[in-house]
């Protein structure tokens, strides 16, 4: 009787070892896939650590942007003006349409976090009576800024929107390249950047 069970015992032992080896292989493959997934996942977008809103306020010219639906009518002379008023920030965006008419949108900006850096803002262009609704506010993060506050890179943490802004209608190649490089490092699709027209 014992001899009759010996082959079965040996087969069970081999099967157990095969299952153990297979489990180890699968576990190793899973660990590698998890590590690869973590490596492939882009790191979070980083805003600059601090921003002087007094210096940032004023008129900015759009130099380039990622295409977006809400600026579809803008063909040239795109500007954004920020004015500090009553503890908040008044925002006026303007541009020229294809028929030479002016397109204007007025809104409001505020700190994304009252205790956070001024480089992370939330902007609203919906009517003020809707300001209590979270979804009417969009992210506005300053991702790079020249020391003299003459050029800035602004984007959103989901990488859907991006703008290159300057105090003048044009921007030198070196500064433009620097801002594009920053955007690329932050994971934005800079190949889709569209230069703003000033015909």
N, C-alpha and C. Protein backbone atom coordinates (compact mmCIF):
# COMPACT_ATOMS: atom_id res chain seq x y z
N UNK A 1 0.83 -1.20 0.00
CA UNK A 1 0.00 0.00 0.00
C UNK A 1 0.86 1.25 0.00
N UNK A 2 1.93 1.22 0.77
CA UNK A 2 2.80 2.39 0.82
C UNK A 2 3.43 2.64 -0.53
N UNK A 3 3.84 1.49 -1.19
CA UNK A 3 4.46 1.67 -2.50
C UNK A 3 3.47 2.23 -3.50
N UNK A 4 2.20 1.85 -3.35
CA UNK A 4 1.20 2.36 -4.27
C UNK A 4 1.02 3.86 -4.16
N UNK A 5 1.26 4.43 -3.01
CA UNK A 5 1.11 5.88 -2.82
C UNK A 5 2.38 6.67 -3.10
N UNK A 6 3.48 6.01 -3.25
CA UNK A 6 4.75 6.72 -3.43
C UNK A 6 4.76 7.58 -4.68
N UNK A 7 4.38 7.07 -5.85
CA UNK A 7 4.39 7.91 -7.05
C UNK A 7 3.47 9.12 -6.91
N UNK A 8 2.33 8.90 -6.28
CA UNK A 8 1.40 10.00 -6.12
C UNK A 8 2.01 11.09 -5.25
N UNK A 9 2.71 10.69 -4.19
CA UNK A 9 3.37 11.66 -3.30
C UNK A 9 4.43 12.43 -4.06
N UNK A 10 5.24 11.68 -4.87
CA UNK A 10 6.28 12.36 -5.65
C UNK A 10 5.66 13.33 -6.64
N UNK A 11 4.58 12.96 -7.30
CA UNK A 11 3.90 13.82 -8.28
C UNK A 11 3.34 15.06 -7.60
N UNK A 12 2.78 14.85 -6.38
CA UNK A 12 2.23 15.99 -5.64
C UNK A 12 3.34 16.96 -5.28
N UNK A 13 4.52 16.41 -4.89
CA UNK A 13 5.65 17.26 -4.54
C UNK A 13 6.13 18.07 -5.72
N UNK A 14 6.22 17.43 -6.89
CA UNK A 14 6.63 18.13 -8.12
C UNK A 14 5.62 19.21 -8.47
N UNK A 15 4.33 18.86 -8.34
CA UNK A 15 3.28 19.82 -8.66
C UNK A 15 3.36 21.04 -7.75
N UNK A 16 3.60 20.76 -6.44
CA UNK A 16 3.71 21.87 -5.49
C UNK A 16 4.88 22.79 -5.83
N UNK A 17 6.02 22.14 -6.22
CA UNK A 17 7.19 22.95 -6.58
C UNK A 17 6.91 23.78 -7.83
N UNK A 18 6.23 23.17 -8.82
CA UNK A 18 5.90 23.89 -10.06
C UNK A 18 4.97 25.07 -9.76
N UNK A 19 3.98 24.83 -8.89
CA UNK A 19 3.05 25.90 -8.52
C UNK A 19 3.79 27.02 -7.80
N UNK A 20 4.73 26.62 -6.91
CA UNK A 20 5.51 27.62 -6.18
C UNK A 20 6.35 28.45 -7.13
N UNK A 21 7.04 27.77 -8.08
CA UNK A 21 7.86 28.48 -9.07
C UNK A 21 7.00 29.39 -9.94
N UNK A 22 5.86 28.87 -10.40
CA UNK A 22 4.96 29.67 -11.23
C UNK A 22 4.47 30.90 -10.47
N UNK A 23 4.13 30.69 -9.19
CA UNK A 23 3.67 31.81 -8.37
C UNK A 23 4.75 32.86 -8.22
N UNK A 24 5.99 32.40 -8.02
CA UNK A 24 7.11 33.35 -7.88
C UNK A 24 7.32 34.13 -9.17
N UNK A 25 7.24 33.43 -10.31
CA UNK A 25 7.40 34.09 -11.61
C UNK A 25 6.31 35.15 -11.82
N UNK A 26 5.06 34.77 -11.51
CA UNK A 26 3.96 35.71 -11.66
C UNK A 26 4.10 36.90 -10.72
N UNK A 27 4.53 36.64 -9.51
CA UNK A 27 4.73 37.73 -8.54
C UNK A 27 5.81 38.68 -9.02
N UNK A 28 6.91 38.10 -9.56
CA UNK A 28 8.01 38.92 -10.07
C UNK A 28 7.54 39.75 -11.26
N UNK A 29 6.78 39.11 -12.15
CA UNK A 29 6.26 39.84 -13.32
C UNK A 29 5.34 40.97 -12.89
N UNK A 30 4.49 40.67 -11.90
CA UNK A 30 3.58 41.70 -11.38
C UNK A 30 4.34 42.86 -10.76
N UNK A 31 5.39 42.54 -10.01
CA UNK A 31 6.20 43.59 -9.38
C UNK A 31 6.87 44.45 -10.43
N UNK A 32 7.39 43.79 -11.49
CA UNK A 32 8.03 44.55 -12.57
C UNK A 32 7.02 45.44 -13.28
N UNK A 33 5.82 44.92 -13.53
CA UNK A 33 4.78 45.71 -14.20
C UNK A 33 4.38 46.91 -13.35
N UNK A 34 4.27 46.67 -12.03
CA UNK A 34 3.92 47.77 -11.13
C UNK A 34 5.01 48.83 -11.13
N UNK A 35 6.26 48.37 -11.08
CA UNK A 35 7.39 49.32 -11.08
C UNK A 35 7.43 50.09 -12.39
N UNK A 36 7.19 49.37 -13.51
CA UNK A 36 7.20 50.04 -14.81
C UNK A 36 6.07 51.05 -14.90
N UNK A 37 4.89 50.67 -14.37
CA UNK A 37 3.76 51.59 -14.38
C UNK A 37 4.05 52.83 -13.57
N UNK A 38 4.67 52.64 -12.41
CA UNK A 38 5.01 53.78 -11.57
C UNK A 38 6.04 54.66 -12.24
N UNK A 39 6.99 54.01 -12.98
CA UNK A 39 8.02 54.77 -13.66
C UNK A 39 7.43 55.55 -14.83
N UNK A 40 6.45 54.96 -15.52
CA UNK A 40 5.85 55.61 -16.68
C UNK A 40 4.90 56.74 -16.28
N UNK A 41 4.32 56.67 -15.09
CA UNK A 41 3.37 57.70 -14.67
C UNK A 41 4.10 59.02 -14.48
N UNK A 42 3.61 60.09 -15.10
CA UNK A 42 4.31 61.39 -14.97
C UNK A 42 4.19 61.92 -13.55
N UNK A 43 5.24 62.60 -13.12
CA UNK A 43 5.20 63.20 -11.80
C UNK A 43 4.26 64.40 -11.83
N UNK A 44 3.73 64.82 -10.69
CA UNK A 44 2.80 65.95 -10.67
C UNK A 44 3.44 67.24 -11.21
N UNK A 45 2.63 68.07 -11.81
CA UNK A 45 3.09 69.37 -12.30
C UNK A 45 3.49 70.23 -11.10
N UNK A 46 4.59 70.96 -11.23
CA UNK A 46 5.10 71.77 -10.13
C UNK A 46 4.99 73.26 -10.45
N UNK A 47 4.29 74.00 -9.60
CA UNK A 47 4.25 75.46 -9.72
C UNK A 47 5.50 76.03 -9.06
N UNK A 48 5.84 77.27 -9.41
CA UNK A 48 6.98 77.90 -8.75
C UNK A 48 6.65 78.07 -7.27
N UNK A 49 7.66 78.10 -6.41
CA UNK A 49 7.38 78.11 -4.96
C UNK A 49 6.74 79.39 -4.44
N UNK A 50 6.98 80.53 -5.09
CA UNK A 50 6.40 81.78 -4.60
C UNK A 50 6.17 82.74 -5.76
N UNK A 51 5.24 83.67 -5.53
CA UNK A 51 4.89 84.65 -6.56
C UNK A 51 4.46 85.94 -5.88
N UNK A 52 5.00 87.06 -6.35
CA UNK A 52 4.62 88.38 -5.85
C UNK A 52 3.47 88.89 -6.73
N UNK A 53 2.26 88.83 -6.22
CA UNK A 53 1.10 89.22 -7.02
C UNK A 53 1.14 90.69 -7.43
N UNK A 54 1.74 91.54 -6.59
CA UNK A 54 1.85 92.96 -6.95
C UNK A 54 2.68 93.12 -8.22
N UNK A 55 3.77 92.39 -8.30
CA UNK A 55 4.64 92.47 -9.49
C UNK A 55 4.02 91.73 -10.68
N UNK A 56 3.26 90.68 -10.39
CA UNK A 56 2.67 89.90 -11.47
C UNK A 56 1.49 90.62 -12.12
N UNK A 57 0.83 91.47 -11.35
CA UNK A 57 -0.34 92.20 -11.88
C UNK A 57 0.07 93.06 -13.07
N UNK A 58 -0.92 93.38 -13.91
CA UNK A 58 -0.66 94.20 -15.08
C UNK A 58 -0.97 93.46 -16.36
N UNK A 59 -0.50 94.01 -17.46
CA UNK A 59 -0.83 93.48 -18.79
C UNK A 59 0.19 92.45 -19.25
N UNK A 60 -0.34 91.35 -19.77
CA UNK A 60 0.49 90.29 -20.36
C UNK A 60 0.01 90.02 -21.78
N UNK A 61 0.95 89.73 -22.67
CA UNK A 61 0.65 89.35 -24.05
C UNK A 61 0.86 87.84 -24.20
N UNK A 62 -0.07 87.20 -24.86
CA UNK A 62 0.08 85.77 -25.12
C UNK A 62 1.05 85.57 -26.27
N UNK A 63 2.08 84.76 -26.03
CA UNK A 63 3.07 84.44 -27.05
C UNK A 63 2.74 83.11 -27.72
N UNK A 64 2.28 82.17 -26.94
CA UNK A 64 1.92 80.84 -27.47
C UNK A 64 0.96 80.16 -26.50
N UNK A 65 0.26 79.15 -26.99
CA UNK A 65 -0.67 78.40 -26.14
C UNK A 65 -0.91 77.02 -26.72
N UNK A 66 -1.36 76.11 -25.87
CA UNK A 66 -1.92 74.87 -26.37
C UNK A 66 -3.33 75.18 -26.86
N UNK A 67 -3.75 74.62 -27.98
CA UNK A 67 -5.09 74.90 -28.49
C UNK A 67 -6.17 74.59 -27.47
N UNK A 68 -7.17 75.45 -27.39
CA UNK A 68 -8.30 75.22 -26.48
C UNK A 68 -9.57 75.76 -27.12
N UNK A 69 -10.70 75.26 -26.66
CA UNK A 69 -11.98 75.63 -27.29
C UNK A 69 -12.41 77.05 -26.98
N UNK A 70 -12.07 77.57 -25.80
CA UNK A 70 -12.60 78.88 -25.41
C UNK A 70 -11.84 80.05 -26.04
N UNK A 71 -10.74 79.77 -26.73
CA UNK A 71 -10.03 80.83 -27.45
C UNK A 71 -10.13 80.62 -28.96
N UNK A 72 -11.08 79.83 -29.38
CA UNK A 72 -11.17 79.47 -30.79
C UNK A 72 -11.39 80.68 -31.70
N UNK A 73 -11.99 81.75 -31.18
CA UNK A 73 -12.23 82.94 -32.01
C UNK A 73 -11.02 83.85 -32.08
N UNK A 74 -10.05 83.65 -31.20
CA UNK A 74 -8.89 84.54 -31.13
C UNK A 74 -7.87 84.21 -32.23
N UNK A 75 -7.57 85.22 -33.04
CA UNK A 75 -6.58 85.02 -34.09
C UNK A 75 -5.33 85.88 -33.87
N UNK A 76 -5.42 86.92 -33.04
CA UNK A 76 -4.26 87.79 -32.84
C UNK A 76 -4.49 88.70 -31.64
N UNK A 77 -3.41 89.36 -31.24
CA UNK A 77 -3.45 90.37 -30.17
C UNK A 77 -4.14 89.86 -28.91
N UNK A 78 -3.71 88.71 -28.43
CA UNK A 78 -4.30 88.12 -27.24
C UNK A 78 -3.60 88.69 -26.00
N UNK A 79 -4.37 89.24 -25.09
CA UNK A 79 -3.81 89.82 -23.87
C UNK A 79 -4.60 89.37 -22.64
N UNK A 80 -3.93 89.45 -21.50
CA UNK A 80 -4.58 89.20 -20.22
C UNK A 80 -4.11 90.28 -19.26
N UNK A 81 -5.05 90.90 -18.58
CA UNK A 81 -4.71 91.94 -17.62
C UNK A 81 -5.19 91.54 -16.23
N UNK A 82 -4.29 91.62 -15.27
CA UNK A 82 -4.60 91.24 -13.89
C UNK A 82 -4.51 92.49 -13.01
N UNK A 83 -5.56 92.73 -12.25
CA UNK A 83 -5.62 93.90 -11.38
C UNK A 83 -6.05 93.48 -9.99
N UNK A 84 -5.26 93.87 -8.99
CA UNK A 84 -5.59 93.53 -7.60
C UNK A 84 -6.66 94.48 -7.11
N UNK A 85 -7.82 93.92 -6.74
CA UNK A 85 -8.94 94.74 -6.27
C UNK A 85 -9.64 94.06 -5.10
N UNK A 86 -9.88 94.81 -4.03
CA UNK A 86 -10.67 94.32 -2.89
C UNK A 86 -10.25 92.93 -2.40
N UNK A 87 -8.97 92.72 -2.31
CA UNK A 87 -8.49 91.44 -1.82
C UNK A 87 -8.53 90.32 -2.83
N UNK A 88 -9.00 90.62 -4.03
CA UNK A 88 -9.05 89.61 -5.09
C UNK A 88 -8.28 90.08 -6.31
N UNK A 89 -8.46 89.38 -7.41
CA UNK A 89 -7.76 89.71 -8.65
C UNK A 89 -8.78 89.78 -9.78
N UNK A 90 -8.90 90.94 -10.39
CA UNK A 90 -9.77 91.09 -11.55
C UNK A 90 -8.99 90.67 -12.79
N UNK A 91 -9.61 89.85 -13.62
CA UNK A 91 -8.96 89.32 -14.82
C UNK A 91 -9.75 89.77 -16.05
N UNK A 92 -9.05 90.37 -17.00
CA UNK A 92 -9.68 90.76 -18.27
C UNK A 92 -8.85 90.17 -19.41
N UNK A 93 -9.44 89.26 -20.16
CA UNK A 93 -8.80 88.67 -21.33
C UNK A 93 -9.40 89.28 -22.59
N UNK A 94 -8.56 89.64 -23.53
CA UNK A 94 -9.02 90.21 -24.80
C UNK A 94 -8.23 89.63 -25.95
N UNK A 95 -8.84 89.66 -27.13
CA UNK A 95 -8.15 89.25 -28.34
C UNK A 95 -8.87 89.82 -29.55
N UNK A 96 -8.25 89.68 -30.70
CA UNK A 96 -8.87 90.11 -31.95
C UNK A 96 -9.37 88.89 -32.70
N UNK A 97 -10.61 88.96 -33.17
CA UNK A 97 -11.21 87.87 -33.93
C UNK A 97 -10.88 88.03 -35.42
N UNK A 98 -11.24 87.03 -36.21
CA UNK A 98 -10.94 87.05 -37.64
C UNK A 98 -11.60 88.21 -38.37
N UNK A 99 -12.76 88.68 -37.86
CA UNK A 99 -13.45 89.81 -38.50
C UNK A 99 -12.98 91.15 -37.94
N UNK A 100 -11.85 91.13 -37.21
CA UNK A 100 -11.23 92.32 -36.61
C UNK A 100 -11.97 92.87 -35.40
N UNK A 101 -13.05 92.21 -34.97
CA UNK A 101 -13.74 92.65 -33.76
C UNK A 101 -12.93 92.21 -32.54
N UNK A 102 -13.18 92.87 -31.41
CA UNK A 102 -12.50 92.53 -30.17
C UNK A 102 -13.36 91.57 -29.36
N UNK A 103 -12.75 90.53 -28.84
CA UNK A 103 -13.41 89.57 -27.96
C UNK A 103 -12.89 89.83 -26.55
N UNK A 104 -13.80 89.96 -25.60
CA UNK A 104 -13.42 90.31 -24.24
C UNK A 104 -14.12 89.38 -23.25
N UNK A 105 -13.38 88.94 -22.26
CA UNK A 105 -13.94 88.12 -21.18
C UNK A 105 -13.40 88.65 -19.86
N UNK A 106 -14.32 88.93 -18.93
CA UNK A 106 -13.92 89.47 -17.63
C UNK A 106 -14.20 88.44 -16.55
N UNK A 107 -13.25 88.24 -15.67
CA UNK A 107 -13.41 87.24 -14.62
C UNK A 107 -12.69 87.62 -13.35
N UNK A 108 -12.46 86.62 -12.54
CA UNK A 108 -11.87 86.82 -11.21
C UNK A 108 -10.91 85.69 -10.91
N UNK A 109 -9.84 86.00 -10.20
CA UNK A 109 -8.90 84.97 -9.76
C UNK A 109 -8.75 85.06 -8.25
N UNK A 110 -8.42 83.92 -7.65
CA UNK A 110 -8.19 83.88 -6.21
C UNK A 110 -7.20 82.76 -5.93
N UNK A 111 -6.63 82.78 -4.75
CA UNK A 111 -5.70 81.73 -4.36
C UNK A 111 -6.41 80.38 -4.34
N UNK A 112 -5.76 79.37 -4.87
CA UNK A 112 -6.34 78.02 -4.83
C UNK A 112 -6.45 77.53 -3.39
N UNK A 113 -5.48 77.94 -2.59
CA UNK A 113 -5.45 77.59 -1.17
C UNK A 113 -5.07 78.85 -0.40
N UNK A 114 -5.91 79.26 0.53
CA UNK A 114 -5.64 80.51 1.26
C UNK A 114 -4.29 80.51 1.93
N UNK A 115 -3.84 79.34 2.31
CA UNK A 115 -2.54 79.23 2.98
C UNK A 115 -1.44 78.75 2.04
N UNK A 116 -1.78 78.62 0.76
CA UNK A 116 -0.82 78.11 -0.21
C UNK A 116 -0.11 79.22 -0.95
N UNK A 117 0.76 78.86 -1.88
CA UNK A 117 1.51 79.86 -2.64
C UNK A 117 0.63 80.62 -3.62
N UNK A 118 1.00 81.87 -3.89
CA UNK A 118 0.25 82.69 -4.84
C UNK A 118 0.43 82.20 -6.27
N UNK A 119 1.36 81.31 -6.49
CA UNK A 119 1.58 80.76 -7.84
C UNK A 119 0.52 79.76 -8.24
N UNK A 120 -0.34 79.35 -7.29
CA UNK A 120 -1.44 78.44 -7.61
C UNK A 120 -2.75 79.21 -7.41
N UNK A 121 -3.35 79.58 -8.53
CA UNK A 121 -4.59 80.35 -8.50
C UNK A 121 -5.74 79.55 -9.09
N UNK A 122 -6.95 80.03 -8.85
CA UNK A 122 -8.16 79.52 -9.48
C UNK A 122 -8.83 80.70 -10.17
N UNK A 123 -9.28 80.51 -11.39
CA UNK A 123 -9.85 81.60 -12.19
C UNK A 123 -11.28 81.25 -12.59
N UNK A 124 -12.15 82.27 -12.55
CA UNK A 124 -13.56 82.08 -12.92
C UNK A 124 -13.98 83.15 -13.92
N UNK A 125 -14.64 82.72 -15.01
CA UNK A 125 -15.21 83.65 -15.97
C UNK A 125 -16.73 83.54 -16.03
N UNK A 126 -17.28 82.61 -15.29
CA UNK A 126 -18.74 82.49 -15.19
C UNK A 126 -19.27 83.67 -14.38
N UNK A 127 -20.57 83.97 -14.48
CA UNK A 127 -21.15 85.07 -13.68
C UNK A 127 -20.86 84.91 -12.19
N UNK A 128 -20.72 86.03 -11.51
CA UNK A 128 -20.33 86.00 -10.09
C UNK A 128 -21.32 85.25 -9.21
N UNK A 129 -22.63 85.26 -9.59
CA UNK A 129 -23.60 84.56 -8.75
C UNK A 129 -23.42 83.04 -8.79
N UNK A 130 -22.56 82.57 -9.72
CA UNK A 130 -22.27 81.13 -9.78
C UNK A 130 -20.93 80.79 -9.12
N UNK A 131 -20.31 81.77 -8.50
CA UNK A 131 -18.96 81.57 -7.97
C UNK A 131 -18.90 80.53 -6.84
N UNK A 132 -20.05 80.22 -6.25
CA UNK A 132 -20.05 79.21 -5.18
C UNK A 132 -19.92 77.80 -5.74
N UNK A 133 -20.07 77.63 -7.05
CA UNK A 133 -19.96 76.31 -7.67
C UNK A 133 -18.50 76.00 -7.98
N UNK A 134 -17.96 74.93 -7.44
CA UNK A 134 -16.54 74.62 -7.66
C UNK A 134 -16.16 74.46 -9.13
N UNK A 135 -17.07 73.91 -9.94
CA UNK A 135 -16.69 73.60 -11.32
C UNK A 135 -16.58 74.82 -12.23
N UNK A 136 -16.97 76.00 -11.77
CA UNK A 136 -16.81 77.20 -12.61
C UNK A 136 -15.41 77.80 -12.45
N UNK A 137 -14.65 77.24 -11.52
CA UNK A 137 -13.29 77.72 -11.29
C UNK A 137 -12.29 76.80 -11.97
N UNK A 138 -11.34 77.39 -12.69
CA UNK A 138 -10.30 76.61 -13.35
C UNK A 138 -8.94 76.90 -12.75
N UNK A 139 -8.06 75.90 -12.81
CA UNK A 139 -6.71 76.07 -12.28
C UNK A 139 -5.89 77.02 -13.14
N UNK A 140 -5.04 77.77 -12.49
CA UNK A 140 -4.11 78.70 -13.14
C UNK A 140 -2.83 78.66 -12.31
N UNK A 141 -1.86 77.87 -12.77
CA UNK A 141 -0.61 77.72 -12.04
C UNK A 141 0.54 78.38 -12.81
N UNK A 142 1.33 79.18 -12.12
CA UNK A 142 2.53 79.76 -12.73
C UNK A 142 3.65 78.74 -12.57
N UNK A 143 4.15 78.22 -13.69
CA UNK A 143 5.11 77.13 -13.70
C UNK A 143 6.55 77.61 -13.86
N UNK A 144 6.70 78.78 -14.44
CA UNK A 144 8.03 79.37 -14.61
C UNK A 144 7.85 80.88 -14.76
N UNK A 145 8.85 81.62 -14.34
CA UNK A 145 8.76 83.09 -14.35
C UNK A 145 10.17 83.66 -14.37
N UNK A 146 10.41 84.60 -15.26
CA UNK A 146 11.74 85.22 -15.28
C UNK A 146 11.90 86.12 -14.05
N UNK A 147 13.13 86.35 -13.67
CA UNK A 147 13.41 87.12 -12.45
C UNK A 147 12.82 88.52 -12.50
N UNK A 148 12.76 89.11 -13.70
CA UNK A 148 12.24 90.47 -13.82
C UNK A 148 10.73 90.51 -14.11
N UNK A 149 10.09 89.36 -14.02
CA UNK A 149 8.63 89.27 -14.26
C UNK A 149 8.24 89.77 -15.66
N UNK A 150 9.12 89.47 -16.63
CA UNK A 150 8.84 89.90 -18.00
C UNK A 150 8.27 88.77 -18.86
N UNK A 151 8.35 87.54 -18.39
CA UNK A 151 7.81 86.40 -19.14
C UNK A 151 7.42 85.30 -18.16
N UNK A 152 6.36 84.60 -18.50
CA UNK A 152 5.83 83.57 -17.59
C UNK A 152 5.29 82.39 -18.36
N UNK A 153 5.31 81.25 -17.70
CA UNK A 153 4.71 80.03 -18.21
C UNK A 153 3.57 79.66 -17.27
N UNK A 154 2.37 79.54 -17.82
CA UNK A 154 1.18 79.26 -17.01
C UNK A 154 0.52 77.99 -17.54
N UNK A 155 0.13 77.11 -16.65
CA UNK A 155 -0.53 75.88 -17.08
C UNK A 155 -1.47 75.34 -16.03
N UNK A 156 -2.01 74.18 -16.32
CA UNK A 156 -2.93 73.52 -15.39
C UNK A 156 -2.35 72.17 -14.98
N UNK A 157 -2.65 71.73 -13.76
CA UNK A 157 -2.05 70.47 -13.28
C UNK A 157 -2.46 69.23 -14.06
N UNK A 158 -3.53 69.31 -14.84
CA UNK A 158 -3.92 68.17 -15.67
C UNK A 158 -3.25 68.19 -17.05
N UNK A 159 -2.41 69.23 -17.29
CA UNK A 159 -1.63 69.39 -18.52
C UNK A 159 -2.49 69.63 -19.76
N UNK A 160 -3.74 70.01 -19.59
CA UNK A 160 -4.61 70.27 -20.75
C UNK A 160 -4.39 71.67 -21.31
N UNK A 161 -4.04 72.63 -20.46
CA UNK A 161 -3.92 74.01 -20.89
C UNK A 161 -2.54 74.56 -20.55
N UNK A 162 -2.03 75.40 -21.46
CA UNK A 162 -0.70 75.97 -21.27
C UNK A 162 -0.60 77.28 -22.05
N UNK A 163 0.03 78.26 -21.41
CA UNK A 163 0.25 79.55 -22.08
C UNK A 163 1.66 80.04 -21.79
N UNK A 164 2.24 80.68 -22.79
CA UNK A 164 3.48 81.43 -22.61
C UNK A 164 3.13 82.90 -22.74
N UNK A 165 3.43 83.67 -21.71
CA UNK A 165 3.04 85.08 -21.64
C UNK A 165 4.27 85.96 -21.53
N UNK A 166 4.15 87.19 -22.02
CA UNK A 166 5.23 88.16 -21.90
C UNK A 166 4.66 89.56 -21.76
N UNK A 167 5.45 90.46 -21.20
CA UNK A 167 5.00 91.84 -21.02
C UNK A 167 4.93 92.58 -22.35
N UNK A 168 5.71 92.12 -23.31
CA UNK A 168 5.72 92.72 -24.65
C UNK A 168 5.08 91.75 -25.64
N UNK A 169 4.64 92.27 -26.80
CA UNK A 169 4.00 91.38 -27.78
C UNK A 169 4.92 90.32 -28.37
N UNK A 170 6.23 90.50 -28.22
CA UNK A 170 7.18 89.52 -28.73
C UNK A 170 8.09 89.06 -27.60
N UNK A 171 8.74 87.93 -27.81
CA UNK A 171 9.61 87.37 -26.78
C UNK A 171 10.87 86.83 -27.46
N UNK A 172 12.02 87.11 -26.84
CA UNK A 172 13.28 86.66 -27.44
C UNK A 172 13.35 85.14 -27.44
N UNK A 173 14.12 84.62 -28.39
CA UNK A 173 14.19 83.17 -28.61
C UNK A 173 14.70 82.42 -27.38
N UNK A 174 15.70 82.96 -26.70
CA UNK A 174 16.28 82.26 -25.55
C UNK A 174 15.26 82.08 -24.44
N UNK A 175 14.50 83.13 -24.14
CA UNK A 175 13.50 83.03 -23.07
C UNK A 175 12.36 82.11 -23.49
N UNK A 176 11.95 82.22 -24.74
CA UNK A 176 10.88 81.34 -25.24
C UNK A 176 11.31 79.88 -25.12
N UNK A 177 12.55 79.59 -25.52
CA UNK A 177 13.06 78.22 -25.45
C UNK A 177 13.10 77.73 -24.02
N UNK A 178 13.52 78.61 -23.10
CA UNK A 178 13.56 78.23 -21.69
C UNK A 178 12.17 77.82 -21.19
N UNK A 179 11.15 78.61 -21.53
CA UNK A 179 9.80 78.31 -21.05
C UNK A 179 9.25 77.04 -21.69
N UNK A 180 9.55 76.83 -22.96
CA UNK A 180 9.12 75.60 -23.62
C UNK A 180 9.80 74.39 -22.99
N UNK A 181 11.09 74.53 -22.68
CA UNK A 181 11.82 73.44 -22.04
C UNK A 181 11.21 73.10 -20.67
N UNK A 182 10.85 74.14 -19.92
CA UNK A 182 10.20 73.90 -18.63
C UNK A 182 8.90 73.13 -18.82
N UNK A 183 8.11 73.56 -19.80
CA UNK A 183 6.84 72.87 -20.07
C UNK A 183 7.07 71.42 -20.44
N UNK A 184 8.08 71.17 -21.25
CA UNK A 184 8.38 69.79 -21.66
C UNK A 184 8.77 68.95 -20.46
N UNK A 185 9.60 69.50 -19.57
CA UNK A 185 10.00 68.76 -18.36
C UNK A 185 8.80 68.47 -17.47
N UNK A 186 7.81 69.35 -17.50
CA UNK A 186 6.61 69.16 -16.68
C UNK A 186 5.59 68.22 -17.34
N UNK A 187 5.94 67.71 -18.51
CA UNK A 187 5.09 66.70 -19.15
C UNK A 187 4.04 67.24 -20.12
N UNK A 188 4.12 68.50 -20.50
CA UNK A 188 3.18 69.06 -21.46
C UNK A 188 3.59 68.68 -22.88
N UNK A 189 2.60 68.55 -23.75
CA UNK A 189 2.85 68.20 -25.15
C UNK A 189 3.22 69.47 -25.92
N UNK A 190 4.48 69.87 -25.82
CA UNK A 190 4.91 71.14 -26.40
C UNK A 190 4.89 71.13 -27.92
N UNK A 191 4.83 69.94 -28.54
CA UNK A 191 4.75 69.87 -29.99
C UNK A 191 3.45 70.49 -30.50
N UNK A 192 2.44 70.60 -29.62
CA UNK A 192 1.15 71.16 -30.01
C UNK A 192 1.05 72.66 -29.76
N UNK A 193 2.10 73.26 -29.25
CA UNK A 193 2.06 74.70 -28.99
C UNK A 193 1.82 75.48 -30.27
N UNK A 194 0.95 76.49 -30.17
CA UNK A 194 0.63 77.35 -31.31
C UNK A 194 1.09 78.77 -30.96
N UNK A 195 1.91 79.34 -31.83
CA UNK A 195 2.35 80.72 -31.60
C UNK A 195 1.17 81.67 -31.86
N UNK A 196 1.02 82.65 -31.01
CA UNK A 196 -0.06 83.62 -31.18
C UNK A 196 0.29 84.59 -32.29
N UNK A 197 -0.73 84.91 -33.08
CA UNK A 197 -0.49 85.82 -34.20
C UNK A 197 -0.59 87.29 -33.79
N UNK A 198 0.21 88.10 -34.43
CA UNK A 198 0.13 89.56 -34.24
C UNK A 198 0.25 90.25 -35.59
N UNK A 199 -0.62 89.88 -36.55
CA UNK A 199 -0.53 90.48 -37.89
C UNK A 199 -0.98 91.94 -37.88
